[in-house]
Amino acid sequence: MLSTLQPLLGLGVILGLAWLASERRRAVSLRLVLAGLALQIGLALLLLKLPFAQAVFLSMTDLVLAVQRATQAGTELVFGFLGGGAAPFETRYPQNSFVLAFQALPLILVMSALSALLFYWRVLPLLVHGFAWLLRRTMGTGGALGLGAAANVFVGMTEAPLLIRPYLAGLSRSALFALMTCGMATVAGTVMVLYAGILSDTVPNAMGHILTASLISAPAALMIAGVLVPEHPDAADRAIVAIPSTSRSSMDAITRGTLDAIPLWLNILAMLIVMVALVSLVNQMLGLLPTVAGEPLTAQRLLGWVMAPVAWLIGIPWSEAQVAGSLMGIKTILNELIAYLELAGTASAELSERSRLIMTYALCGFANLGSLGIMIGGLGAMAPERRDEIVALGLKSILAGTMATLSTGAVVALIL
């Protein structure tokens, strides 16, 4: 009985806190909240109880991985072993051979070129209008946001907005924030295989669970974002207009898309370096304080203590809540990769099988300070006229993304 009441209470607390932190409480749409919860629970039941449905979505991830492999072919040619090619020497520490700038981020260039081509071919405008029709009848959101939210399940927080780049300037404040929150609440298909490999010995069918987590968190992100920054009734479809392509041919579209992505790539690199450096500075200052329980204080450790009651609310037993809270602290201050490594390592022995599965879902999102740097750099380059708005909403998007993944963890705890 308690295992059911805990996550129900957790969902109520998460939504209650979001409502208290809302910019306009009276404007919160009850329809959006109910539709978001229904989609979360419906997707969880579908994907966790009907394995064939999960297989369909895994095939979509294969498409993303095909683009990633194609990108790697280019990075290997240009950057050699730094871009993922075979090293011309013996690698003593292969776990350190991954170079983010030359192996993961070049996907932005390819996605930008593909999205420009698909926009020129009028494929993306059709998808935008299709999502507009669907989401207006379920959650009351617009089509450009819907396509961006759906894409976030399979690609990253900077690649997904590239698909709707022509619409970004016209998005309402609420829709822009929802797009940012979706980026924070999901993970890209390009890292799903990496995370699944890390958790393979800890969580059975890890790949299926990580994909399911990202799918369930998409409607959760739209719901939480809509509560924190409610939409104006006349603004939902502001971006759905016929925007002509400026490209003159398919090759021109590919060229423009590629060249437009170069400043985006550089912006992301610069912001990521600075944000991680600032976290390190804070931890160095905290390290000057006296140790607690024989260990130095860090930002992620402090946040872990705060997150322990939250971990209990989503279904983790109190005896394991401190460990689960520390994982959330690591994920928020550092990143989800390090949190998953910890979950698969020392934390695995301290958590039950059920708790490990719940935390797999709760950790499955990009909501951390490093990702904030990536998002500000990426979206700011794509929509420079809205950079101030993006920066102002940045920290709130981390909060919203975290609340979305926590609600996904609570939903899964209800079903298990």
Protein backbone atom coordinates (compact mmCIF):
# COMPACT_ATOMS: atom_id res chain seq x y z
CA MET A 1 0.00 0.00 0.00
CA LEU A 2 2.81 2.42 0.96
CA SER A 3 4.61 1.70 -2.33
CA THR A 4 1.54 3.12 -4.12
CA LEU A 5 0.83 6.05 -1.81
CA GLN A 6 4.43 7.30 -1.87
CA PRO A 7 4.65 8.02 -5.62
CA LEU A 8 1.07 9.36 -5.67
CA LEU A 9 2.05 11.78 -2.92
CA GLY A 10 5.22 12.56 -4.86
CA LEU A 11 3.28 13.45 -8.02
CA GLY A 12 0.99 15.68 -5.98
CA VAL A 13 3.92 17.45 -4.29
CA ILE A 14 5.77 17.96 -7.59
CA LEU A 15 2.71 19.48 -9.25
CA GLY A 16 1.93 21.53 -6.14
CA LEU A 17 5.44 22.99 -6.03
CA ALA A 18 5.29 23.75 -9.75
CA TRP A 19 1.98 25.55 -9.22
CA LEU A 20 3.39 27.57 -6.30
CA ALA A 21 6.37 28.59 -8.46
CA SER A 22 4.14 29.44 -11.45
CA GLU A 23 4.43 32.85 -13.07
CA ARG A 24 0.62 33.07 -13.39
CA ARG A 25 -1.14 30.53 -11.17
CA ARG A 26 -4.65 31.39 -12.33
CA ALA A 27 -3.66 30.79 -15.95
CA VAL A 28 -2.53 27.18 -15.38
CA SER A 29 -4.49 24.89 -17.70
CA LEU A 30 -6.15 21.96 -15.93
CA ARG A 31 -6.52 20.30 -19.33
CA LEU A 32 -2.74 20.43 -19.82
CA VAL A 33 -2.07 18.86 -16.42
CA LEU A 34 -4.62 16.07 -16.85
CA ALA A 35 -3.48 15.36 -20.41
CA GLY A 36 0.17 15.32 -19.33
CA LEU A 37 -0.49 12.85 -16.51
CA ALA A 38 -2.65 10.68 -18.78
CA LEU A 39 0.03 10.57 -21.48
CA GLN A 40 2.72 9.75 -18.93
CA ILE A 41 0.76 6.89 -17.38
CA GLY A 42 -0.50 5.67 -20.76
CA LEU A 43 2.98 5.60 -22.30
CA ALA A 44 4.40 3.90 -19.21
CA LEU A 45 1.75 1.16 -19.36
CA LEU A 46 2.19 0.75 -23.11
CA LEU A 47 5.98 0.58 -23.10
CA LEU A 48 6.48 -1.37 -19.88
CA LYS A 49 3.64 -3.88 -20.31
CA LEU A 50 3.69 -4.30 -24.12
CA PRO A 51 7.28 -5.03 -25.28
CA PHE A 52 6.39 -4.82 -29.00
CA ALA A 53 5.59 -1.10 -28.59
CA GLN A 54 9.06 -0.53 -27.17
CA ALA A 55 10.54 -2.32 -30.18
CA VAL A 56 8.84 0.17 -32.52
CA PHE A 57 10.45 3.12 -30.76
CA LEU A 58 13.81 1.34 -30.63
CA SER A 59 13.68 1.17 -34.43
CA MET A 60 13.33 4.97 -34.49
CA THR A 61 16.44 5.21 -32.33
CA ASP A 62 18.23 3.09 -34.94
CA LEU A 63 17.57 5.89 -37.44
CA VAL A 64 19.26 8.40 -35.14
CA LEU A 65 22.19 6.03 -34.64
CA ALA A 66 22.52 5.72 -38.43
CA VAL A 67 22.94 9.50 -38.65
CA GLN A 68 25.47 9.31 -35.83
CA ARG A 69 27.47 6.62 -37.67
CA ALA A 70 27.38 8.70 -40.84
CA THR A 71 28.65 11.70 -38.86
CA GLN A 72 31.45 9.59 -37.40
CA ALA A 73 32.56 8.67 -40.91
CA GLY A 74 33.09 12.39 -41.53
CA THR A 75 34.79 13.09 -38.20
CA GLU A 76 37.17 10.15 -38.67
CA LEU A 77 38.23 11.54 -42.06
CA VAL A 78 38.74 15.10 -40.78
CA PHE A 79 39.96 14.55 -37.19
CA GLY A 80 41.36 11.01 -37.35
CA PHE A 81 41.51 9.22 -34.00
CA LEU A 82 40.27 12.36 -32.22
CA GLY A 83 37.06 12.01 -34.22
CA GLY A 84 36.55 8.36 -33.33
CA GLY A 85 38.96 6.68 -35.74
CA ALA A 86 41.48 4.01 -34.81
CA ALA A 87 44.38 5.38 -32.74
CA PRO A 88 47.85 5.08 -34.34
CA PHE A 89 49.22 3.96 -30.98
CA GLU A 90 48.29 1.65 -28.13
CA THR A 91 45.55 3.19 -25.99
CA ARG A 92 46.24 2.56 -22.32
CA TYR A 93 43.04 4.23 -21.09
CA PRO A 94 40.34 3.68 -23.73
CA GLN A 95 37.68 5.03 -21.37
CA ASN A 96 39.29 8.47 -21.79
CA SER A 97 39.48 8.38 -25.59
CA PHE A 98 36.08 10.05 -26.14
CA VAL A 99 36.54 13.68 -27.29
CA LEU A 100 33.22 15.54 -26.97
CA ALA A 101 34.11 18.39 -29.35
CA PHE A 102 35.15 16.09 -32.19
CA GLN A 103 32.95 13.02 -31.71
CA ALA A 104 29.56 14.10 -30.29
CA LEU A 105 29.09 17.77 -31.16
CA PRO A 106 29.77 17.45 -34.94
CA LEU A 107 26.34 15.79 -35.10
CA ILE A 108 25.02 19.36 -34.83
CA LEU A 109 26.52 20.16 -38.24
CA VAL A 110 24.88 17.15 -39.89
CA MET A 111 21.52 17.72 -38.21
CA SER A 112 21.57 21.36 -39.26
CA ALA A 113 22.24 20.41 -42.88
CA LEU A 114 19.53 17.71 -42.85
CA SER A 115 16.94 19.99 -41.24
CA ALA A 116 17.66 22.75 -43.80
CA LEU A 117 17.24 20.19 -46.60
CA LEU A 118 14.00 18.80 -45.14
CA PHE A 119 12.68 22.33 -44.71
CA TYR A 120 13.49 23.12 -48.35
CA TRP A 121 11.68 19.94 -49.41
CA ARG A 122 8.64 21.09 -47.31
CA VAL A 123 8.77 17.96 -45.15
CA LEU A 124 9.30 19.79 -41.84
CA PRO A 125 6.46 22.30 -42.37
CA LEU A 126 4.09 19.38 -42.96
CA LEU A 127 5.29 17.70 -39.75
CA VAL A 128 4.86 20.93 -37.81
CA HIS A 129 1.26 21.31 -38.97
CA GLY A 130 0.61 17.62 -38.23
CA PHE A 131 1.85 17.98 -34.68
CA ALA A 132 -0.18 21.17 -34.33
CA TRP A 133 -3.36 19.25 -35.14
CA LEU A 134 -2.49 16.41 -32.74
CA LEU A 135 -1.32 18.45 -29.78
CA ARG A 136 -4.09 21.03 -29.99
CA ARG A 137 -6.52 18.17 -29.37
CA THR A 138 -4.57 16.60 -26.49
CA MET A 139 -2.45 19.12 -24.57
CA GLY A 140 -3.46 22.37 -26.27
CA THR A 141 0.10 23.13 -27.45
CA GLY A 142 1.36 24.29 -30.85
CA GLY A 143 2.87 22.24 -33.66
CA ALA A 144 6.39 23.69 -33.74
CA LEU A 145 6.75 22.98 -30.02
CA GLY A 146 5.28 19.50 -30.51
CA LEU A 147 7.80 18.59 -33.21
CA GLY A 148 10.66 19.97 -31.13
CA ALA A 149 9.47 18.04 -28.06
CA ALA A 150 9.12 14.80 -30.01
CA ALA A 151 12.56 15.23 -31.59
CA ASN A 152 14.13 15.70 -28.15
CA VAL A 153 13.36 12.06 -27.39
CA PHE A 154 15.72 10.93 -30.14
CA VAL A 155 18.24 13.77 -30.60
CA GLY A 156 19.84 16.27 -28.25
CA MET A 157 18.74 19.60 -26.83
CA THR A 158 20.52 21.54 -29.57
CA GLU A 159 19.83 19.20 -32.49
CA ALA A 160 16.06 19.08 -31.85
CA PRO A 161 15.51 22.88 -32.06
CA LEU A 162 17.39 22.84 -35.38
CA LEU A 163 14.38 21.02 -36.85
CA ILE A 164 12.18 24.01 -36.05
CA ARG A 165 14.81 26.74 -36.36
CA PRO A 166 12.70 28.92 -38.70
CA TYR A 167 9.91 28.93 -36.09
CA LEU A 168 12.00 29.77 -32.99
CA ALA A 169 11.70 33.54 -33.29
CA GLY A 170 7.89 33.30 -33.33
CA LEU A 171 7.46 30.90 -30.40
CA SER A 172 5.62 32.33 -27.40
CA ARG A 173 7.54 32.66 -24.12
CA SER A 174 5.71 29.62 -22.74
CA ALA A 175 6.46 27.51 -25.83
CA LEU A 176 10.12 28.54 -25.79
CA PHE A 177 10.39 27.54 -22.13
CA ALA A 178 8.62 24.23 -22.83
CA LEU A 179 11.10 23.50 -25.63
CA MET A 180 13.99 24.21 -23.24
CA THR A 181 12.40 22.01 -20.57
CA CYS A 182 11.98 19.11 -23.02
CA GLY A 183 15.69 19.36 -23.76
CA MET A 184 16.48 19.18 -20.05
CA ALA A 185 14.05 16.33 -19.31
CA THR A 186 15.15 13.88 -22.03
CA VAL A 187 18.39 12.38 -23.34
CA ALA A 188 19.57 12.06 -26.93
CA GLY A 189 19.49 8.77 -28.80
CA THR A 190 23.19 9.23 -29.42
CA VAL A 191 23.98 8.62 -25.71
CA MET A 192 21.27 6.05 -24.95
CA VAL A 193 23.51 3.19 -26.06
CA LEU A 194 26.33 4.54 -23.89
CA TYR A 195 24.11 4.72 -20.80
CA ALA A 196 22.59 1.31 -21.52
CA GLY A 197 26.08 -0.19 -21.68
CA ILE A 198 26.96 1.33 -18.31
CA LEU A 199 23.79 -0.04 -16.67
CA SER A 200 23.63 -3.40 -18.47
CA ASP A 201 24.86 -5.37 -15.43
CA THR A 202 22.73 -3.36 -12.98
CA VAL A 203 19.38 -2.91 -14.72
CA PRO A 204 17.93 -5.64 -16.99
CA ASN A 205 16.91 -4.37 -20.47
CA ALA A 206 18.64 -1.06 -19.73
CA MET A 207 18.29 0.25 -23.30
CA GLY A 208 14.53 -0.26 -23.28
CA HIS A 209 14.16 1.47 -19.91
CA ILE A 210 16.27 4.50 -20.91
CA LEU A 211 14.30 4.94 -24.13
CA THR A 212 11.03 4.55 -22.23
CA ALA A 213 12.19 7.14 -19.66
CA SER A 214 12.93 9.68 -22.38
CA LEU A 215 9.55 9.07 -24.03
CA ILE A 216 7.56 9.38 -20.80
CA SER A 217 9.43 12.52 -19.77
CA ALA A 218 8.46 14.42 -22.95
CA PRO A 219 4.78 14.95 -21.96
CA ALA A 220 5.91 15.44 -18.36
CA ALA A 221 8.16 18.28 -19.51
CA LEU A 222 5.33 19.94 -21.46
CA MET A 223 3.08 19.61 -18.41
CA ILE A 224 5.56 21.01 -15.85
CA ALA A 225 6.66 23.80 -18.20
CA GLY A 226 3.03 24.74 -18.83
CA VAL A 227 2.44 25.04 -15.09
CA LEU A 228 5.57 27.10 -14.38
CA VAL A 229 5.15 29.39 -17.41
CA PRO A 230 1.50 29.17 -18.53
CA GLU A 231 0.54 29.89 -22.12
CA HIS A 232 -1.59 32.84 -23.15
CA PRO A 233 -4.75 31.55 -24.89
CA ASP A 234 -4.05 33.44 -28.12
CA ALA A 235 -0.34 32.57 -28.34
CA ALA A 236 -0.26 28.79 -28.80
CA ASP A 237 -0.24 28.88 -32.58
CA ARG A 238 1.71 32.09 -33.12
CA ALA A 239 4.60 30.20 -34.75
CA ILE A 240 2.48 28.15 -37.17
CA VAL A 241 2.74 30.28 -40.26
CA ALA A 242 3.93 29.56 -43.76
CA ILE A 243 7.65 30.39 -43.67
CA PRO A 244 9.30 30.17 -47.10
CA SER A 245 12.70 28.54 -47.48
CA THR A 246 15.49 30.93 -48.48
CA SER A 247 17.42 28.13 -50.19
CA ARG A 248 17.47 27.97 -53.99
CA SER A 249 18.30 24.28 -54.35
CA SER A 250 18.92 21.14 -52.31
CA MET A 251 22.69 21.69 -52.35
CA ASP A 252 22.19 25.32 -51.34
CA ALA A 253 20.06 24.16 -48.40
CA ILE A 254 22.76 21.69 -47.28
CA THR A 255 25.46 24.37 -47.59
CA ARG A 256 23.48 27.00 -45.70
CA GLY A 257 22.50 24.53 -42.97
CA THR A 258 26.10 23.44 -42.46
CA LEU A 259 27.59 26.94 -42.38
CA ASP A 260 24.85 28.21 -40.06
CA ALA A 261 25.75 25.48 -37.56
CA ILE A 262 29.41 26.46 -37.21
CA PRO A 263 28.76 29.42 -34.83
CA LEU A 264 26.34 27.17 -32.95
CA TRP A 265 29.05 24.53 -32.48
CA LEU A 266 31.56 27.12 -31.21
CA ASN A 267 29.01 28.71 -28.86
CA ILE A 268 28.27 25.35 -27.27
CA LEU A 269 31.96 24.55 -26.76
CA ALA A 270 32.64 27.91 -25.13
CA MET A 271 29.62 27.85 -22.80
CA LEU A 272 30.26 24.25 -21.74
CA ILE A 273 33.86 25.03 -20.79
CA VAL A 274 32.80 28.06 -18.72
CA MET A 275 29.87 26.39 -16.91
CA VAL A 276 31.92 23.33 -15.88
CA ALA A 277 34.76 25.63 -14.77
CA LEU A 278 32.38 27.64 -12.57
CA VAL A 279 31.09 24.46 -10.89
CA SER A 280 34.68 23.44 -10.23
CA LEU A 281 35.42 26.84 -8.66
CA VAL A 282 32.42 26.52 -6.33
CA ASN A 283 33.54 23.05 -5.26
CA GLN A 284 37.07 24.31 -4.63
CA MET A 285 35.71 27.04 -2.36
CA LEU A 286 33.51 24.55 -0.51
CA GLY A 287 36.56 22.35 -0.11
CA LEU A 288 38.10 25.02 2.13
CA LEU A 289 35.40 24.33 4.74
CA PRO A 290 35.82 21.58 7.36
CA THR A 291 35.08 18.06 6.14
CA VAL A 292 31.83 16.33 7.04
CA ALA A 293 31.88 12.58 7.83
CA GLY A 294 35.47 12.46 6.59
CA GLU A 295 34.68 13.83 3.12
CA PRO A 296 35.00 17.36 1.72
CA LEU A 297 31.87 19.34 0.97
CA THR A 298 30.83 19.71 -2.68
CA ALA A 299 27.83 21.31 -4.36
CA GLN A 300 26.54 17.92 -5.49
CA ARG A 301 26.87 16.49 -1.97
CA LEU A 302 24.92 19.38 -0.44
CA LEU A 303 22.20 19.01 -3.05
CA GLY A 304 22.12 15.27 -2.38
CA TRP A 305 21.08 15.91 1.23
CA VAL A 306 18.33 18.23 0.03
CA MET A 307 17.13 15.67 -2.53
CA ALA A 308 16.85 12.74 -0.09
CA PRO A 309 13.20 13.54 0.90
CA VAL A 310 12.39 14.05 -2.79
CA ALA A 311 13.79 10.60 -3.58
CA TRP A 312 11.52 9.16 -0.88
CA LEU A 313 8.51 10.92 -2.43
CA ILE A 314 8.99 9.21 -5.81
CA GLY A 315 8.96 5.75 -4.24
CA ILE A 316 12.45 5.11 -2.81
CA PRO A 317 12.46 3.57 0.72
CA TRP A 318 13.74 6.00 3.35
CA SER A 319 16.66 3.69 4.18
CA GLU A 320 17.89 4.19 0.58
CA ALA A 321 16.80 7.81 0.11
CA GLN A 322 20.18 9.33 1.06
CA VAL A 323 21.96 7.30 -1.61
CA ALA A 324 19.28 8.09 -4.20
CA GLY A 325 19.39 11.79 -3.26
CA SER A 326 23.15 11.86 -3.73
CA LEU A 327 22.68 10.43 -7.23
CA MET A 328 20.28 13.28 -8.03
CA GLY A 329 22.83 15.76 -6.67
CA ILE A 330 25.58 14.32 -8.85
CA LYS A 331 23.30 14.41 -11.89
CA THR A 332 22.23 18.04 -11.35
CA ILE A 333 25.61 19.56 -10.49
CA LEU A 334 27.78 17.38 -12.75
CA ASN A 335 25.83 15.28 -15.28
CA GLU A 336 23.72 12.15 -15.71
CA LEU A 337 26.65 10.15 -17.14
CA ILE A 338 28.57 10.37 -13.85
CA ALA A 339 25.36 9.63 -11.93
CA TYR A 340 24.76 6.49 -14.01
CA LEU A 341 28.36 5.40 -13.45
CA GLU A 342 27.78 5.80 -9.71
CA LEU A 343 24.46 3.92 -9.94
CA ALA A 344 26.19 1.04 -11.70
CA GLY A 345 29.07 1.14 -9.21
CA THR A 346 29.02 1.68 -5.45
CA ALA A 347 25.37 2.79 -5.27
CA SER A 348 24.19 -0.44 -6.87
CA ALA A 349 24.92 -2.47 -3.74
CA GLU A 350 23.07 0.04 -1.54
CA LEU A 351 19.86 0.16 -3.59
CA SER A 352 17.25 -2.55 -4.12
CA GLU A 353 16.40 -3.71 -7.65
CA ARG A 354 13.20 -1.65 -7.60
CA SER A 355 15.02 1.48 -6.42
CA ARG A 356 17.69 1.06 -9.11
CA LEU A 357 14.98 0.93 -11.75
CA ILE A 358 13.17 4.01 -10.39
CA MET A 359 16.46 5.95 -10.31
CA THR A 360 17.21 4.90 -13.90
CA TYR A 361 14.11 6.87 -14.90
CA ALA A 362 14.60 9.78 -12.47
CA LEU A 363 18.19 10.36 -13.70
CA CYS A 364 17.32 10.14 -17.39
CA GLY A 365 17.57 13.79 -18.42
CA PHE A 366 20.06 16.49 -19.34
CA ALA A 367 19.02 18.87 -16.52
CA ASN A 368 22.39 20.02 -15.17
CA LEU A 369 24.58 23.11 -15.18
CA GLY A 370 26.80 21.90 -18.01
CA SER A 371 23.75 21.35 -20.20
CA LEU A 372 22.60 24.86 -19.38
CA GLY A 373 25.76 26.13 -21.03
CA ILE A 374 25.07 23.99 -24.08
CA MET A 375 21.47 25.19 -24.28
CA ILE A 376 22.25 28.88 -23.91
CA GLY A 377 25.04 28.62 -26.47
CA GLY A 378 22.91 26.61 -28.89
CA LEU A 379 19.53 28.30 -28.71
CA GLY A 380 21.16 31.71 -28.35
CA ALA A 381 22.96 31.19 -31.66
CA MET A 382 19.82 29.91 -33.39
CA ALA A 383 17.61 32.74 -32.13
CA PRO A 384 19.95 35.61 -31.18
CA GLU A 385 17.05 38.04 -30.85
CA ARG A 386 15.77 35.94 -27.93
CA ARG A 387 19.07 35.32 -26.15
CA ASP A 388 18.14 37.46 -23.10
CA GLU A 389 14.89 35.51 -22.71
CA ILE A 390 16.72 32.17 -23.04
CA VAL A 391 19.28 33.17 -20.39
CA ALA A 392 16.53 34.37 -18.03
CA LEU A 393 14.69 31.06 -18.33
CA GLY A 394 17.84 28.91 -18.08
CA LEU A 395 17.96 28.01 -14.38
CA LYS A 396 14.19 27.56 -14.31
CA SER A 397 14.49 25.04 -17.17
CA ILE A 398 16.88 22.95 -15.03
CA LEU A 399 14.30 22.97 -12.23
CA ALA A 400 11.49 22.07 -14.65
CA GLY A 401 13.51 19.31 -16.32
CA THR A 402 14.39 17.80 -12.94
CA MET A 403 10.76 17.91 -11.81
CA ALA A 404 9.71 16.22 -15.07
CA THR A 405 12.12 13.29 -14.67
CA LEU A 406 11.18 12.95 -11.00
CA SER A 407 7.51 12.71 -11.97
CA THR A 408 8.47 10.03 -14.52
CA GLY A 409 10.22 8.11 -11.74
CA ALA A 410 7.06 8.40 -9.61
CA VAL A 411 4.85 7.17 -12.46
CA VAL A 412 7.08 4.14 -12.99
CA ALA A 413 7.04 3.45 -9.23
CA LEU A 414 3.23 3.36 -9.43
CA ILE A 415 3.27 0.76 -12.20
CA LEU A 416 6.03 -1.53 -10.91
